[in-house]
Amino acid sequence: MNWQFIDSGFNTGSYNMDFDINLAKNYLPDSVYFRLYRWEPYCISLGANQSFNEIKLDKAAEDNILVVKRPTGGRAILHAEELTYSVVMPVDINFSPKVIYHEINMAIYESLKFYDERLTAIELEKKQADFSTLYKNQTNSICFAASAKNEINYNGQKLVGSAQRKMGSLVLQHGSILCGDYHKKIVNYLNLDEAKLEEVKTKLDSNTIDLKSILNEQIDYDRLLSSLYVGFEKYFNIKMNRIVIDKIFSTETVI
């Protein structure tokens, strides 16, 4: 497999989601794409099966928060103080979607320990939550309400949230590595009554953690990006090629 690395920097929510889809649509055989990116302005992404009615769109627009749909499932996320990743990888007899999900999270797990040795306490969730039941509760309209099996936690709190979609013979997986606690402000934009909003706030406080809170210092995004680059190379025992965006597809197709 030829691993291709893309650092696409800051972009809008629609650009970022279209970019991930186009990585799969413009896939070159025997390739794996690993992309790291951020969001400008901040953006709420909804899972593919969620409704825009779940968000106070006027309030989001007033605060310059964009709202988009993800091509993957899961629930709402406020993308702010985070480094986001995406991977496009072919499915084969050795790499089912479940195996890919586990392996990518293991690579992130190793990369985070490479970033700072104090992160040795992170671990992969061992149990699978019953999301079909959880999603029936309005207060679970946020992605970080619970951890899926193999997602990355720190002392039982969710640090990295991921979602996956199978597209033909490929898997698109992307997720948020929380670097600060701004994601908790999503409660300001949820269409819920005050009692339910308080419940959501409690869940976010008890179920989520971020790198800044763990390490008690500002996160060096450049060093974190480099740690992920090196961590993926070491975990998968590969060498990645850094590629220019317009060599994959015209940038006009993702705006």
Protein backbone atom coordinates (compact mmCIF):
# COMPACT_ATOMS: atom_id res chain seq x y z
CA MET A 1 0.00 0.00 0.00
CA ASN A 2 1.14 3.52 -0.82
CA TRP A 3 0.36 5.83 2.09
CA GLN A 4 -0.34 9.44 1.15
CA PHE A 5 -0.27 12.18 3.81
CA ILE A 6 -2.19 15.45 3.48
CA ASP A 7 -1.96 18.43 5.83
CA SER A 8 -4.78 20.62 4.53
CA GLY A 9 -4.71 23.17 7.36
CA PHE A 10 -7.73 25.36 8.18
CA ASN A 11 -10.86 25.22 6.01
CA THR A 12 -14.62 25.64 6.27
CA GLY A 13 -16.87 22.81 7.37
CA SER A 14 -18.33 22.19 3.91
CA TYR A 15 -14.85 22.14 2.39
CA ASN A 16 -13.61 19.65 4.98
CA MET A 17 -16.53 17.26 4.56
CA ASP A 18 -16.48 17.47 0.76
CA PHE A 19 -12.73 16.90 0.81
CA ASP A 20 -13.13 13.66 2.74
CA ILE A 21 -15.79 12.41 0.32
CA ASN A 22 -13.65 13.35 -2.68
CA LEU A 23 -10.68 11.46 -1.28
CA ALA A 24 -12.80 8.32 -1.61
CA LYS A 25 -14.30 9.28 -4.97
CA ASN A 26 -10.86 10.00 -6.45
CA TYR A 27 -9.16 7.04 -4.81
CA LEU A 28 -6.09 5.61 -6.55
CA PRO A 29 -5.67 1.81 -6.31
CA ASP A 30 -3.29 0.44 -3.66
CA SER A 31 -3.35 3.73 -1.75
CA VAL A 32 -4.22 4.86 1.75
CA TYR A 33 -4.94 8.54 2.41
CA PHE A 34 -4.22 10.03 5.84
CA ARG A 35 -5.31 13.63 6.25
CA LEU A 36 -5.07 16.09 9.17
CA TYR A 37 -7.06 19.32 9.24
CA ARG A 38 -8.72 22.05 11.29
CA TRP A 39 -11.84 24.23 11.06
CA GLU A 40 -12.20 27.94 10.29
CA PRO A 41 -14.62 29.23 11.33
CA TYR A 42 -15.66 26.82 14.06
CA CYS A 43 -18.32 24.41 12.87
CA ILE A 44 -20.99 22.02 14.13
CA SER A 45 -21.17 18.81 12.13
CA LEU A 46 -24.22 16.59 12.33
CA GLY A 47 -24.28 12.85 11.77
CA ALA A 48 -25.69 11.73 8.42
CA ASN A 49 -29.02 10.76 10.01
CA GLN A 50 -29.49 13.86 12.13
CA SER A 51 -31.75 16.81 11.32
CA PHE A 52 -30.69 20.45 11.11
CA ASN A 53 -33.73 21.11 13.32
CA GLU A 54 -31.71 19.80 16.26
CA ILE A 55 -29.57 22.96 16.10
CA LYS A 56 -30.44 26.60 16.76
CA LEU A 57 -29.30 27.68 13.31
CA ASP A 58 -29.97 31.40 13.86
CA LYS A 59 -27.91 31.37 17.07
CA ALA A 60 -25.08 29.51 15.33
CA ALA A 61 -25.06 31.98 12.43
CA GLU A 62 -25.07 34.91 14.87
CA ASP A 63 -21.94 33.48 16.53
CA ASN A 64 -20.25 32.67 13.19
CA ILE A 65 -20.58 28.93 13.78
CA LEU A 66 -21.18 26.99 10.57
CA VAL A 67 -23.40 23.90 10.51
CA VAL A 68 -22.84 20.99 8.11
CA LYS A 69 -23.71 17.33 7.66
CA ARG A 70 -21.04 14.63 7.86
CA PRO A 71 -21.06 11.73 5.38
CA THR A 72 -20.65 9.43 8.41
CA GLY A 73 -23.02 8.56 11.23
CA GLY A 74 -22.83 9.51 14.86
CA ARG A 75 -24.10 12.64 16.54
CA ALA A 76 -23.38 16.38 16.65
CA ILE A 77 -19.90 17.78 17.34
CA LEU A 78 -18.72 21.37 17.72
CA HIS A 79 -15.37 21.39 15.93
CA ALA A 80 -13.18 24.03 17.55
CA GLU A 81 -10.10 23.29 19.66
CA GLU A 82 -9.21 20.02 18.01
CA LEU A 83 -7.07 18.34 15.38
CA THR A 84 -9.23 16.33 13.00
CA TYR A 85 -8.08 13.29 11.07
CA SER A 86 -9.46 11.31 8.16
CA VAL A 87 -8.34 8.04 6.63
CA VAL A 88 -9.46 6.44 3.37
CA MET A 89 -8.43 2.79 3.20
CA PRO A 90 -9.49 -0.20 1.08
CA VAL A 91 -11.33 -3.11 2.68
CA ASP A 92 -9.93 -6.59 2.07
CA ILE A 93 -9.84 -10.02 3.66
CA ASN A 94 -7.38 -8.83 6.32
CA PHE A 95 -8.81 -5.36 6.89
CA SER A 96 -12.54 -5.35 7.55
CA PRO A 97 -14.16 -2.06 8.61
CA LYS A 98 -14.00 -3.20 12.27
CA VAL A 99 -10.31 -4.06 11.97
CA ILE A 100 -9.60 -0.73 10.27
CA TYR A 101 -11.44 1.13 13.05
CA HIS A 102 -9.34 -0.62 15.68
CA GLU A 103 -6.04 -0.19 13.85
CA ILE A 104 -6.50 3.52 13.16
CA ASN A 105 -7.36 4.16 16.80
CA MET A 106 -4.32 2.14 17.86
CA ALA A 107 -2.14 4.32 15.61
CA ILE A 108 -3.61 7.47 17.18
CA TYR A 109 -3.13 5.93 20.63
CA GLU A 110 0.57 5.34 19.94
CA SER A 111 0.94 8.80 18.38
CA LEU A 112 -0.49 10.56 21.42
CA LYS A 113 1.95 8.77 23.71
CA PHE A 114 4.69 9.90 21.34
CA TYR A 115 3.45 13.50 21.72
CA ASP A 116 3.76 13.38 25.53
CA GLU A 117 4.76 10.48 27.76
CA ARG A 118 2.20 11.65 30.34
CA LEU A 119 -0.47 10.26 28.01
CA THR A 120 0.44 6.66 28.81
CA ALA A 121 -2.83 6.39 30.75
CA ILE A 122 -4.95 6.63 27.60
CA GLU A 123 -6.71 3.43 26.57
CA LEU A 124 -9.13 2.02 24.03
CA GLU A 125 -12.73 1.51 25.12
CA LYS A 126 -13.34 -2.22 25.58
CA LYS A 127 -17.16 -2.26 25.52
CA GLN A 128 -19.61 -1.30 22.79
CA ALA A 129 -22.34 1.11 23.88
CA ASP A 130 -25.92 0.40 22.80
CA PHE A 131 -26.23 3.44 20.53
CA SER A 132 -29.64 2.45 19.15
CA THR A 133 -31.02 2.88 22.68
CA LEU A 134 -28.87 5.90 23.56
CA TYR A 135 -29.94 7.85 20.47
CA LYS A 136 -33.60 7.60 21.48
CA ASN A 137 -32.78 10.03 24.30
CA GLN A 138 -32.60 13.64 23.10
CA THR A 139 -29.77 14.39 25.51
CA ASN A 140 -27.59 11.96 23.56
CA SER A 141 -27.75 14.13 20.42
CA ILE A 142 -24.03 14.89 20.89
CA CYS A 143 -21.19 12.68 19.72
CA PHE A 144 -19.23 12.76 22.98
CA ALA A 145 -22.12 11.50 25.14
CA ALA A 146 -20.67 7.97 25.07
CA SER A 147 -17.68 6.03 23.75
CA ALA A 148 -17.86 3.34 21.09
CA LYS A 149 -15.70 0.25 21.34
CA ASN A 150 -12.04 1.02 20.47
CA GLU A 151 -12.44 4.79 20.83
CA ILE A 152 -9.73 6.48 22.87
CA ASN A 153 -10.41 7.39 26.50
CA TYR A 154 -8.43 8.85 29.35
CA ASN A 155 -9.45 7.66 32.82
CA GLY A 156 -12.84 6.65 31.43
CA GLN A 157 -13.48 9.96 29.63
CA LYS A 158 -13.65 10.23 25.85
CA LEU A 159 -10.66 11.96 24.26
CA VAL A 160 -10.99 11.01 20.58
CA GLY A 161 -14.31 10.51 18.82
CA SER A 162 -14.44 8.72 15.46
CA ALA A 163 -17.00 7.78 12.82
CA GLN A 164 -16.81 5.52 9.80
CA ARG A 165 -18.60 4.92 6.51
CA LYS A 166 -18.11 2.12 3.98
CA MET A 167 -18.09 3.44 0.41
CA GLY A 168 -17.95 0.52 -1.98
CA SER A 169 -14.67 -1.28 -1.40
CA LEU A 170 -13.32 1.60 0.72
CA VAL A 171 -13.73 2.86 4.26
CA LEU A 172 -13.78 6.55 5.13
CA GLN A 173 -13.03 7.14 8.79
CA HIS A 174 -12.60 10.52 10.43
CA GLY A 175 -12.57 11.83 13.95
CA SER A 176 -11.81 14.58 16.44
CA ILE A 177 -8.79 14.67 18.73
CA LEU A 178 -9.89 17.08 21.47
CA CYS A 179 -7.21 19.64 22.33
CA GLY A 180 -9.32 22.05 24.41
CA ASP A 181 -12.79 22.16 25.96
CA TYR A 182 -14.55 24.54 23.55
CA HIS A 183 -16.55 21.58 22.18
CA LYS A 184 -18.66 21.77 25.33
CA LYS A 185 -20.19 25.03 24.10
CA ILE A 186 -22.35 22.97 21.75
CA VAL A 187 -25.00 23.19 24.48
CA ASN A 188 -25.52 26.82 23.40
CA TYR A 189 -26.79 25.62 20.02
CA LEU A 190 -28.94 22.58 20.82
CA ASN A 191 -32.71 22.83 20.42
CA LEU A 192 -33.50 21.43 23.86
CA ASP A 193 -35.31 22.72 26.90
CA GLU A 194 -33.34 23.96 29.90
CA ALA A 195 -33.64 20.72 31.89
CA LYS A 196 -32.29 18.63 29.01
CA LEU A 197 -29.50 21.15 28.35
CA GLU A 198 -28.38 20.81 31.97
CA GLU A 199 -28.30 17.05 31.51
CA VAL A 200 -26.18 17.44 28.37
CA LYS A 201 -23.76 19.75 30.20
CA THR A 202 -23.37 17.18 32.96
CA LYS A 203 -22.71 14.42 30.45
CA LEU A 204 -20.09 16.48 28.61
CA ASP A 205 -18.31 17.34 31.85
CA SER A 206 -18.30 13.76 33.09
CA ASN A 207 -17.78 11.87 29.82
CA THR A 208 -15.24 13.98 27.92
CA ILE A 209 -11.65 15.12 28.40
CA ASP A 210 -9.18 17.05 26.25
CA LEU A 211 -5.40 17.17 25.90
CA LYS A 212 -5.10 20.64 27.43
CA SER A 213 -6.97 19.52 30.56
CA ILE A 214 -4.91 16.35 30.87
CA LEU A 215 -1.54 18.04 30.41
CA ASN A 216 -2.45 21.40 31.99
CA GLU A 217 -0.84 23.31 29.13
CA GLN A 218 -1.62 24.71 25.71
CA ILE A 219 -1.34 22.16 22.92
CA ASP A 220 1.33 22.59 20.26
CA TYR A 221 -0.69 21.71 17.17
CA ASP A 222 2.36 21.53 14.90
CA ARG A 223 4.08 19.07 17.22
CA LEU A 224 0.86 17.08 17.59
CA LEU A 225 0.56 16.86 13.81
CA SER A 226 4.18 15.71 13.54
CA SER A 227 3.59 13.14 16.30
CA LEU A 228 0.67 11.68 14.37
CA TYR A 229 2.72 11.56 11.18
CA VAL A 230 5.56 9.72 12.91
CA GLY A 231 3.20 7.59 15.00
CA PHE A 232 1.30 6.31 11.96
CA GLU A 233 4.54 5.49 10.15
CA LYS A 234 5.82 3.53 13.14
CA TYR A 235 2.58 1.73 13.95
CA PHE A 236 1.87 0.63 10.37
CA ASN A 237 5.58 0.21 9.55
CA ILE A 238 5.28 2.38 6.44
CA LYS A 239 6.70 5.54 4.88
CA MET A 240 4.20 8.18 3.84
CA ASN A 241 4.41 10.51 0.88
CA ARG A 242 3.44 14.13 1.52
CA ILE A 243 1.23 15.13 -1.38
CA VAL A 244 -0.11 18.42 -2.70
CA ILE A 245 -3.89 18.77 -2.69
CA ASP A 246 -4.31 19.60 -6.38
CA LYS A 247 -2.43 16.44 -7.35
CA ILE A 248 -5.37 14.39 -6.07
CA PHE A 249 -8.18 16.39 -7.57
CA SER A 250 -8.96 19.95 -8.57
CA THR A 251 -9.59 22.10 -5.49
CA GLU A 252 -12.70 23.45 -7.20
CA THR A 253 -14.41 20.10 -6.60
CA VAL A 254 -14.36 20.45 -2.83
CA ILE A 255 -15.44 24.03 -2.27
